[in-house]
Amino acid sequence: MNKKLILPAEVKVCATCSYWDGERMVDTELRLVVVGEDGQGECLVQSKFSCGLNDVRRETASCAWEHLAPDTASVDLESDNGR
């Protein structure tokens, strides 16, 4: 059985950022991002490779971390357009 590390949603790591272009699986029903322990990808903002479990609190001001989940305001606007 593979080891799993489950982090609270408040902990921001590269694999949970929409600018991280690495191998991951997003489970929208459970609201989880699944990434391998050794998963690496590219930060599209900084144009550098980073580990998926990179804690962005150690990043510089050049980090433009953005959550994968849509903004509630944009979701509300989309639902209003369907009326």
C-alpha atoms as a PDB file:
ATOM      1  CA  MET A   1       0.000   0.000   0.000  1.00  0.00           C
ATOM      2  CA  ASN A   2       1.328   3.440  -0.939  1.00  0.00           C
ATOM      3  CA  LYS A   3       1.807   6.033   1.775  1.00  0.00           C
ATOM      4  CA  LYS A   4      -0.544   8.971   1.622  1.00  0.00           C
ATOM      5  CA  LEU A   5      -0.171  12.426   3.087  1.00  0.00           C
ATOM      6  CA  ILE A   6      -3.403  14.375   3.459  1.00  0.00           C
ATOM      7  CA  LEU A   7      -2.997  18.089   4.025  1.00  0.00           C
ATOM      8  CA  PRO A   8      -5.703  20.540   5.091  1.00  0.00           C
ATOM      9  CA  ALA A   9      -6.977  22.793   2.303  1.00  0.00           C
ATOM     10  CA  GLU A  10      -5.435  25.794   4.074  1.00  0.00           C
ATOM     11  CA  VAL A  11      -1.920  24.456   3.388  1.00  0.00           C
ATOM     12  CA  LYS A  12      -0.865  25.783   0.002  1.00  0.00           C
ATOM     13  CA  VAL A  13       1.493  23.566  -1.987  1.00  0.00           C
ATOM     14  CA  CYS A  14       2.494  23.813  -5.639  1.00  0.00           C
ATOM     15  CA  ALA A  15       0.362  20.838  -6.719  1.00  0.00           C
ATOM     16  CA  THR A  16      -2.794  22.617  -5.534  1.00  0.00           C
ATOM     17  CA  CYS A  17      -2.101  25.760  -7.571  1.00  0.00           C
ATOM     18  CA  SER A  18      -3.646  26.225 -10.998  1.00  0.00           C
ATOM     19  CA  TYR A  19      -0.278  27.546 -12.271  1.00  0.00           C
ATOM     20  CA  TRP A  20       1.486  24.248 -11.442  1.00  0.00           C
ATOM     21  CA  ASP A  21       1.824  22.144 -14.585  1.00  0.00           C
ATOM     22  CA  GLY A  22       2.710  18.729 -13.208  1.00  0.00           C
ATOM     23  CA  GLU A  23       1.103  15.313 -13.032  1.00  0.00           C
ATOM     24  CA  ARG A  24      -1.814  15.316 -10.618  1.00  0.00           C
ATOM     25  CA  MET A  25      -5.367  14.095 -10.292  1.00  0.00           C
ATOM     26  CA  VAL A  26      -8.080  16.432  -9.043  1.00  0.00           C
ATOM     27  CA  ASP A  27     -11.024  14.764  -7.318  1.00  0.00           C
ATOM     28  CA  THR A  28     -13.714  17.452  -7.524  1.00  0.00           C
ATOM     29  CA  GLU A  29     -16.246  15.442  -5.532  1.00  0.00           C
ATOM     30  CA  LEU A  30     -13.969  15.066  -2.508  1.00  0.00           C
ATOM     31  CA  ARG A  31     -12.166  18.349  -3.256  1.00  0.00           C
ATOM     32  CA  LEU A  32      -8.755  16.705  -3.152  1.00  0.00           C
ATOM     33  CA  VAL A  33      -5.629  17.004  -5.263  1.00  0.00           C
ATOM     34  CA  VAL A  34      -3.702  13.748  -5.540  1.00  0.00           C
ATOM     35  CA  VAL A  35      -0.028  13.939  -6.445  1.00  0.00           C
ATOM     36  CA  GLY A  36       2.856  11.487  -6.155  1.00  0.00           C
ATOM     37  CA  GLU A  37       5.303  12.015  -3.318  1.00  0.00           C
ATOM     38  CA  ASP A  38       8.079  12.630  -5.856  1.00  0.00           C
ATOM     39  CA  GLY A  39       5.878  14.476  -8.371  1.00  0.00           C
ATOM     40  CA  GLN A  40       7.477  17.415 -10.107  1.00  0.00           C
ATOM     41  CA  GLY A  41       6.098  19.985 -12.481  1.00  0.00           C
ATOM     42  CA  GLU A  42       6.686  23.461 -13.819  1.00  0.00           C
ATOM     43  CA  CYS A  43       5.506  26.647 -12.161  1.00  0.00           C
ATOM     44  CA  LEU A  44       4.051  28.518 -15.123  1.00  0.00           C
ATOM     45  CA  VAL A  45       4.454  31.878 -13.364  1.00  0.00           C
ATOM     46  CA  GLN A  46       8.107  31.492 -12.392  1.00  0.00           C
ATOM     47  CA  SER A  47       9.090  29.164 -15.302  1.00  0.00           C
ATOM     48  CA  LYS A  48      10.897  26.758 -12.990  1.00  0.00           C
ATOM     49  CA  PHE A  49      10.473  23.145 -11.947  1.00  0.00           C
ATOM     50  CA  SER A  50       9.199  22.478  -8.453  1.00  0.00           C
ATOM     51  CA  CYS A  51       8.136  19.552  -6.343  1.00  0.00           C
ATOM     52  CA  GLY A  52       4.366  19.115  -6.056  1.00  0.00           C
ATOM     53  CA  LEU A  53       4.615  19.264  -2.276  1.00  0.00           C
ATOM     54  CA  ASN A  54       6.575  22.527  -2.337  1.00  0.00           C
ATOM     55  CA  ASP A  55       5.306  24.742   0.499  1.00  0.00           C
ATOM     56  CA  VAL A  56       4.662  28.125  -1.112  1.00  0.00           C
ATOM     57  CA  ARG A  57       5.277  29.962   2.153  1.00  0.00           C
ATOM     58  CA  ARG A  58       8.969  29.531   1.269  1.00  0.00           C
ATOM     59  CA  GLU A  59       8.499  31.187  -2.123  1.00  0.00           C
ATOM     60  CA  THR A  60       9.340  34.785  -2.900  1.00  0.00           C
ATOM     61  CA  ALA A  61       6.965  37.561  -3.848  1.00  0.00           C
ATOM     62  CA  SER A  62       7.142  36.300  -7.451  1.00  0.00           C
ATOM     63  CA  CYS A  63       4.793  33.416  -6.522  1.00  0.00           C
ATOM     64  CA  ALA A  64       1.279  34.092  -7.846  1.00  0.00           C
ATOM     65  CA  TRP A  65      -0.389  31.155  -6.087  1.00  0.00           C
ATOM     66  CA  GLU A  66      -3.940  30.538  -7.292  1.00  0.00           C
ATOM     67  CA  HIS A  67      -6.311  27.867  -5.973  1.00  0.00           C
ATOM     68  CA  LEU A  68      -7.726  25.313  -8.420  1.00  0.00           C
ATOM     69  CA  ALA A  69     -11.292  25.885  -7.196  1.00  0.00           C
ATOM     70  CA  PRO A  70     -13.244  28.563  -9.067  1.00  0.00           C
ATOM     71  CA  ASP A  71     -14.012  31.834  -7.338  1.00  0.00           C
ATOM     72  CA  THR A  72     -17.479  31.898  -5.804  1.00  0.00           C
ATOM     73  CA  ALA A  73     -18.165  35.235  -7.532  1.00  0.00           C
ATOM     74  CA  SER A  74     -17.494  33.779 -10.991  1.00  0.00           C
ATOM     75  CA  VAL A  75     -19.646  30.732 -10.186  1.00  0.00           C
ATOM     76  CA  ASP A  76     -22.504  33.032  -9.144  1.00  0.00           C
ATOM     77  CA  LEU A  77     -22.168  35.027 -12.373  1.00  0.00           C
ATOM     78  CA  GLU A  78     -22.256  31.874 -14.499  1.00  0.00           C
ATOM     79  CA  SER A  79     -25.412  30.639 -12.769  1.00  0.00           C
ATOM     80  CA  ASP A  80     -27.084  34.040 -13.290  1.00  0.00           C
ATOM     81  CA  ASN A  81     -26.325  33.876 -17.040  1.00  0.00           C
ATOM     82  CA  GLY A  82     -28.278  30.638 -17.337  1.00  0.00           C
ATOM     83  CA  ARG A  83     -31.564  32.250 -16.290  1.00  0.00           C
END
